[in-house]
Every structure is written in structure tokens, then in C-alpha cells.
Amino acid sequence: MEAYWIWWLAALVLVIAEMSSGTFYLIAVASGLAVAGIVAYLGVPWSGQTAVAAVLCSASVAGIYRWKKQHTRPHENVNFANDIGQTVHVVSWSDERHARVSYRGAEWDAELASKVAADATRQAWCIKEIVGSRLIIE
């Protein structure tokens, strides 16, 4: 089998694997391997093929890493917006301002909002905000 077929088959395997990962890193490596296959088809010796593959794979992975680093906001909690206003049910009170509540099939730590009066008889509360992994309820 010719070397360019090996490069292209390796690129194809990575493209297929990328479809299950969704990170774009394997596409970056696959593109470098595909170009190395083109270089092999043009008759460049093995050392040149591997050099092209190494440079292109490294550059494309570094480019994706840099782009992701610039365009992600790790402290932005946009997913919590759907939880605000939802109802939780008290499982148990640990003191008059802190409780374990049931929400989305799991137990969470909850704390009463600052201006809310404690009411141990009330079972249903509303999520006002989320601080870390603690629900602030009112």
C-alpha cells in the first residue's frame, strides 16, 4: 500500500472518531494527516511527510486551543437561568435558615434568602438564585 493511502486512511479514521467526540481537535489532526497524504502523493520522502504532518497537526491543534481559550467564559453561569423560579420541596431542616431540598431528582443544600422569614411548616419553596452548589430559596 502506498504511503499516501495510509495517511488518508488515518485521517479518515480520525474524522470518524471526531464525530463521537465533538471537540474539533481530531479534525485538526486529521487535516494535517490529509495534507501529509497529499505531500506523499507528490513524491516527497518519508521524513518530509512526517515533518509536514507534525507541523500542521501541532499548528492546527494550537490554533484551536488558543481560539477556545479566548472564546470561553468559565465563570459565566448561563445554564442556571432556567433554574431560577423553579419549585423545590424541603426534605429536612438543619437549622432555621438551612435545609436539604429535593430538586431535579437529587437533594441539594439550600439557604433562605436574607429577608425571608423561616417557616418550618412550609414544604414548597422557590429558587431565587444559585451560589456555587447552594440554592437560595424564598
C-alpha atoms as a PDB file:
ATOM      1  CA  MET A   1       0.000   0.000   0.000  1.00  0.00           C
ATOM      2  CA  GLU A   2       1.286   3.433  -0.906  1.00  0.00           C
ATOM      3  CA  ALA A   3       2.177   5.838   1.898  1.00  0.00           C
ATOM      4  CA  TYR A   4      -0.401   8.413   0.851  1.00  0.00           C
ATOM      5  CA  TRP A   5      -3.192   5.858   1.321  1.00  0.00           C
ATOM      6  CA  ILE A   6      -2.006   5.220   4.864  1.00  0.00           C
ATOM      7  CA  TRP A   7      -2.062   8.954   5.625  1.00  0.00           C
ATOM      8  CA  TRP A   8      -5.548   9.353   4.141  1.00  0.00           C
ATOM      9  CA  LEU A   9      -6.923   6.289   5.914  1.00  0.00           C
ATOM     10  CA  ALA A  10      -5.536   7.555   9.226  1.00  0.00           C
ATOM     11  CA  ALA A  11      -7.167  10.945   8.553  1.00  0.00           C
ATOM     12  CA  LEU A  12     -10.475   9.216   7.748  1.00  0.00           C
ATOM     13  CA  VAL A  13     -10.361   7.210  10.993  1.00  0.00           C
ATOM     14  CA  LEU A  14      -9.801  10.428  12.958  1.00  0.00           C
ATOM     15  CA  VAL A  15     -12.684  12.181  11.192  1.00  0.00           C
ATOM     16  CA  ILE A  16     -14.972   9.284  12.125  1.00  0.00           C
ATOM     17  CA  ALA A  17     -13.714   9.358  15.723  1.00  0.00           C
ATOM     18  CA  GLU A  18     -14.294  13.128  15.820  1.00  0.00           C
ATOM     19  CA  MET A  19     -17.963  12.602  15.133  1.00  0.00           C
ATOM     20  CA  SER A  20     -18.317  10.997  18.552  1.00  0.00           C
ATOM     21  CA  SER A  21     -16.147  13.461  20.465  1.00  0.00           C
ATOM     22  CA  GLY A  22     -17.157  16.871  19.105  1.00  0.00           C
ATOM     23  CA  THR A  23     -14.001  18.677  20.200  1.00  0.00           C
ATOM     24  CA  PHE A  24     -12.528  19.620  16.779  1.00  0.00           C
ATOM     25  CA  TYR A  25      -9.047  18.525  17.880  1.00  0.00           C
ATOM     26  CA  LEU A  26      -9.247  15.279  15.932  1.00  0.00           C
ATOM     27  CA  ILE A  27     -10.367  17.198  12.829  1.00  0.00           C
ATOM     28  CA  ALA A  28      -7.295  19.385  13.223  1.00  0.00           C
ATOM     29  CA  VAL A  29      -5.020  16.345  13.379  1.00  0.00           C
ATOM     30  CA  ALA A  30      -6.900  14.680  10.511  1.00  0.00           C
ATOM     31  CA  SER A  31      -6.359  17.720   8.310  1.00  0.00           C
ATOM     32  CA  GLY A  32      -2.617  17.585   8.992  1.00  0.00           C
ATOM     33  CA  LEU A  33      -2.553  13.890   8.115  1.00  0.00           C
ATOM     34  CA  ALA A  34      -4.550  14.502   4.914  1.00  0.00           C
ATOM     35  CA  VAL A  35      -2.070  17.160   3.791  1.00  0.00           C
ATOM     36  CA  ALA A  36       0.762  14.765   4.596  1.00  0.00           C
ATOM     37  CA  GLY A  37      -1.008  12.297   2.292  1.00  0.00           C
ATOM     38  CA  ILE A  38      -1.035  14.894  -0.478  1.00  0.00           C
ATOM     39  CA  VAL A  39       2.668  15.538   0.104  1.00  0.00           C
ATOM     40  CA  ALA A  40       3.314  11.766  -0.071  1.00  0.00           C
ATOM     41  CA  TYR A  41       1.331  11.574  -3.323  1.00  0.00           C
ATOM     42  CA  LEU A  42       3.598  14.280  -4.757  1.00  0.00           C
ATOM     43  CA  GLY A  43       6.621  12.063  -4.038  1.00  0.00           C
ATOM     44  CA  VAL A  44       8.166  13.782  -1.021  1.00  0.00           C
ATOM     45  CA  PRO A  45      10.271  11.334   1.059  1.00  0.00           C
ATOM     46  CA  TRP A  46       9.033   9.922   4.404  1.00  0.00           C
ATOM     47  CA  SER A  47      10.945  12.462   6.515  1.00  0.00           C
ATOM     48  CA  GLY A  48       9.274  15.334   4.661  1.00  0.00           C
ATOM     49  CA  GLN A  49       5.852  13.735   5.039  1.00  0.00           C
ATOM     50  CA  THR A  50       6.236  13.327   8.776  1.00  0.00           C
ATOM     51  CA  ALA A  51       7.602  16.864   9.143  1.00  0.00           C
ATOM     52  CA  VAL A  52       4.605  18.302   7.282  1.00  0.00           C
ATOM     53  CA  ALA A  53       2.210  16.189   9.379  1.00  0.00           C
ATOM     54  CA  ALA A  54       3.882  17.205  12.649  1.00  0.00           C
ATOM     55  CA  VAL A  55       3.932  20.921  11.851  1.00  0.00           C
ATOM     56  CA  LEU A  56       0.370  21.081  10.535  1.00  0.00           C
ATOM     57  CA  CYS A  57      -1.091  18.933  13.311  1.00  0.00           C
ATOM     58  CA  SER A  58       0.674  20.949  16.002  1.00  0.00           C
ATOM     59  CA  ALA A  59      -0.244  24.293  14.478  1.00  0.00           C
ATOM     60  CA  SER A  60      -3.893  23.413  13.983  1.00  0.00           C
ATOM     61  CA  VAL A  61      -4.301  21.963  17.494  1.00  0.00           C
ATOM     62  CA  ALA A  62      -2.575  25.032  18.966  1.00  0.00           C
ATOM     63  CA  GLY A  63      -4.867  27.284  16.933  1.00  0.00           C
ATOM     64  CA  ILE A  64      -7.992  25.535  18.196  1.00  0.00           C
ATOM     65  CA  TYR A  65      -6.713  25.617  21.780  1.00  0.00           C
ATOM     66  CA  ARG A  66      -5.986  29.347  21.510  1.00  0.00           C
ATOM     67  CA  TRP A  67      -9.385  30.073  19.952  1.00  0.00           C
ATOM     68  CA  LYS A  68     -11.233  28.110  22.643  1.00  0.00           C
ATOM     69  CA  LYS A  69      -9.264  29.838  25.388  1.00  0.00           C
ATOM     70  CA  GLN A  70     -10.193  33.268  24.028  1.00  0.00           C
ATOM     71  CA  HIS A  71     -13.867  32.475  23.436  1.00  0.00           C
ATOM     72  CA  THR A  72     -14.870  30.646  26.624  1.00  0.00           C
ATOM     73  CA  ARG A  73     -16.093  32.291  29.789  1.00  0.00           C
ATOM     74  CA  PRO A  74     -15.664  29.778  32.623  1.00  0.00           C
ATOM     75  CA  HIS A  75     -17.354  31.953  35.250  1.00  0.00           C
ATOM     76  CA  GLU A  76     -20.482  32.587  33.206  1.00  0.00           C
ATOM     77  CA  ASN A  77     -23.365  30.532  34.604  1.00  0.00           C
ATOM     78  CA  VAL A  78     -25.949  30.900  31.855  1.00  0.00           C
ATOM     79  CA  ASN A  79     -27.419  27.434  32.490  1.00  0.00           C
ATOM     80  CA  PHE A  80     -28.649  28.469  35.923  1.00  0.00           C
ATOM     81  CA  ALA A  81     -31.146  30.908  34.413  1.00  0.00           C
ATOM     82  CA  ASN A  82     -33.551  28.013  33.794  1.00  0.00           C
ATOM     83  CA  ASP A  83     -33.454  27.018  37.477  1.00  0.00           C
ATOM     84  CA  ILE A  84     -34.435  30.427  38.867  1.00  0.00           C
ATOM     85  CA  GLY A  85     -38.119  30.421  39.792  1.00  0.00           C
ATOM     86  CA  GLN A  86     -38.442  26.632  39.956  1.00  0.00           C
ATOM     87  CA  THR A  87     -40.102  24.954  42.936  1.00  0.00           C
ATOM     88  CA  VAL A  88     -38.177  22.820  45.436  1.00  0.00           C
ATOM     89  CA  HIS A  89     -39.504  20.696  48.290  1.00  0.00           C
ATOM     90  CA  VAL A  90     -37.894  20.641  51.734  1.00  0.00           C
ATOM     91  CA  VAL A  91     -36.615  17.218  52.800  1.00  0.00           C
ATOM     92  CA  SER A  92     -35.242  18.315  56.177  1.00  0.00           C
ATOM     93  CA  TRP A  93     -34.180  21.447  58.038  1.00  0.00           C
ATOM     94  CA  SER A  94     -30.671  21.545  59.536  1.00  0.00           C
ATOM     95  CA  ASP A  95     -31.356  24.814  61.360  1.00  0.00           C
ATOM     96  CA  GLU A  96     -33.881  27.598  60.902  1.00  0.00           C
ATOM     97  CA  ARG A  97     -32.167  29.067  57.777  1.00  0.00           C
ATOM     98  CA  HIS A  98     -30.626  25.967  56.114  1.00  0.00           C
ATOM     99  CA  ALA A  99     -32.321  22.916  54.627  1.00  0.00           C
ATOM    100  CA  ARG A 100     -31.901  19.926  52.338  1.00  0.00           C
ATOM    101  CA  VAL A 101     -34.277  20.218  49.409  1.00  0.00           C
ATOM    102  CA  SER A 102     -35.325  17.899  46.629  1.00  0.00           C
ATOM    103  CA  TYR A 103     -34.849  19.324  43.139  1.00  0.00           C
ATOM    104  CA  ARG A 104     -34.379  17.548  39.781  1.00  0.00           C
ATOM    105  CA  GLY A 105     -34.272  14.134  41.424  1.00  0.00           C
ATOM    106  CA  ALA A 106     -31.456  14.964  43.847  1.00  0.00           C
ATOM    107  CA  GLU A 107     -31.001  16.544  47.252  1.00  0.00           C
ATOM    108  CA  TRP A 108     -29.416  19.987  47.408  1.00  0.00           C
ATOM    109  CA  ASP A 109     -28.254  22.280  50.178  1.00  0.00           C
ATOM    110  CA  ALA A 110     -30.485  25.314  50.407  1.00  0.00           C
ATOM    111  CA  GLU A 111     -30.442  28.532  52.354  1.00  0.00           C
ATOM    112  CA  LEU A 112     -33.226  31.019  52.915  1.00  0.00           C
ATOM    113  CA  ALA A 113     -32.819  34.365  51.191  1.00  0.00           C
ATOM    114  CA  SER A 114     -31.728  37.161  53.527  1.00  0.00           C
ATOM    115  CA  LYS A 115     -35.122  38.837  54.034  1.00  0.00           C
ATOM    116  CA  VAL A 116     -37.257  35.676  54.118  1.00  0.00           C
ATOM    117  CA  ALA A 117     -38.742  34.517  57.399  1.00  0.00           C
ATOM    118  CA  ALA A 118     -38.213  30.892  58.369  1.00  0.00           C
ATOM    119  CA  ASP A 119     -41.299  28.672  58.209  1.00  0.00           C
ATOM    120  CA  ALA A 120     -40.684  25.021  59.115  1.00  0.00           C
ATOM    121  CA  THR A 121     -44.231  24.026  58.174  1.00  0.00           C
ATOM    122  CA  ARG A 122     -43.927  25.225  54.581  1.00  0.00           C
ATOM    123  CA  GLN A 123     -42.682  22.473  52.242  1.00  0.00           C
ATOM    124  CA  ALA A 124     -42.599  24.153  48.788  1.00  0.00           C
ATOM    125  CA  TRP A 125     -40.153  26.979  48.161  1.00  0.00           C
ATOM    126  CA  CYS A 126     -38.986  28.876  45.076  1.00  0.00           C
ATOM    127  CA  ILE A 127     -35.360  29.187  43.890  1.00  0.00           C
ATOM    128  CA  LYS A 128     -34.260  32.827  43.989  1.00  0.00           C
ATOM    129  CA  GLU A 129     -30.615  32.330  42.978  1.00  0.00           C
ATOM    130  CA  ILE A 130     -27.797  29.800  42.953  1.00  0.00           C
ATOM    131  CA  VAL A 131     -24.498  30.418  44.711  1.00  0.00           C
ATOM    132  CA  GLY A 132     -21.985  27.685  43.937  1.00  0.00           C
ATOM    133  CA  SER A 133     -23.901  24.492  44.583  1.00  0.00           C
ATOM    134  CA  ARG A 134     -26.261  26.024  47.159  1.00  0.00           C
ATOM    135  CA  LEU A 135     -29.784  27.044  46.249  1.00  0.00           C
ATOM    136  CA  ILE A 136     -31.022  30.301  47.718  1.00  0.00           C
ATOM    137  CA  ILE A 137     -34.759  29.907  48.260  1.00  0.00           C
ATOM    138  CA  GLU A 138     -37.652  32.195  49.148  1.00  0.00           C
END
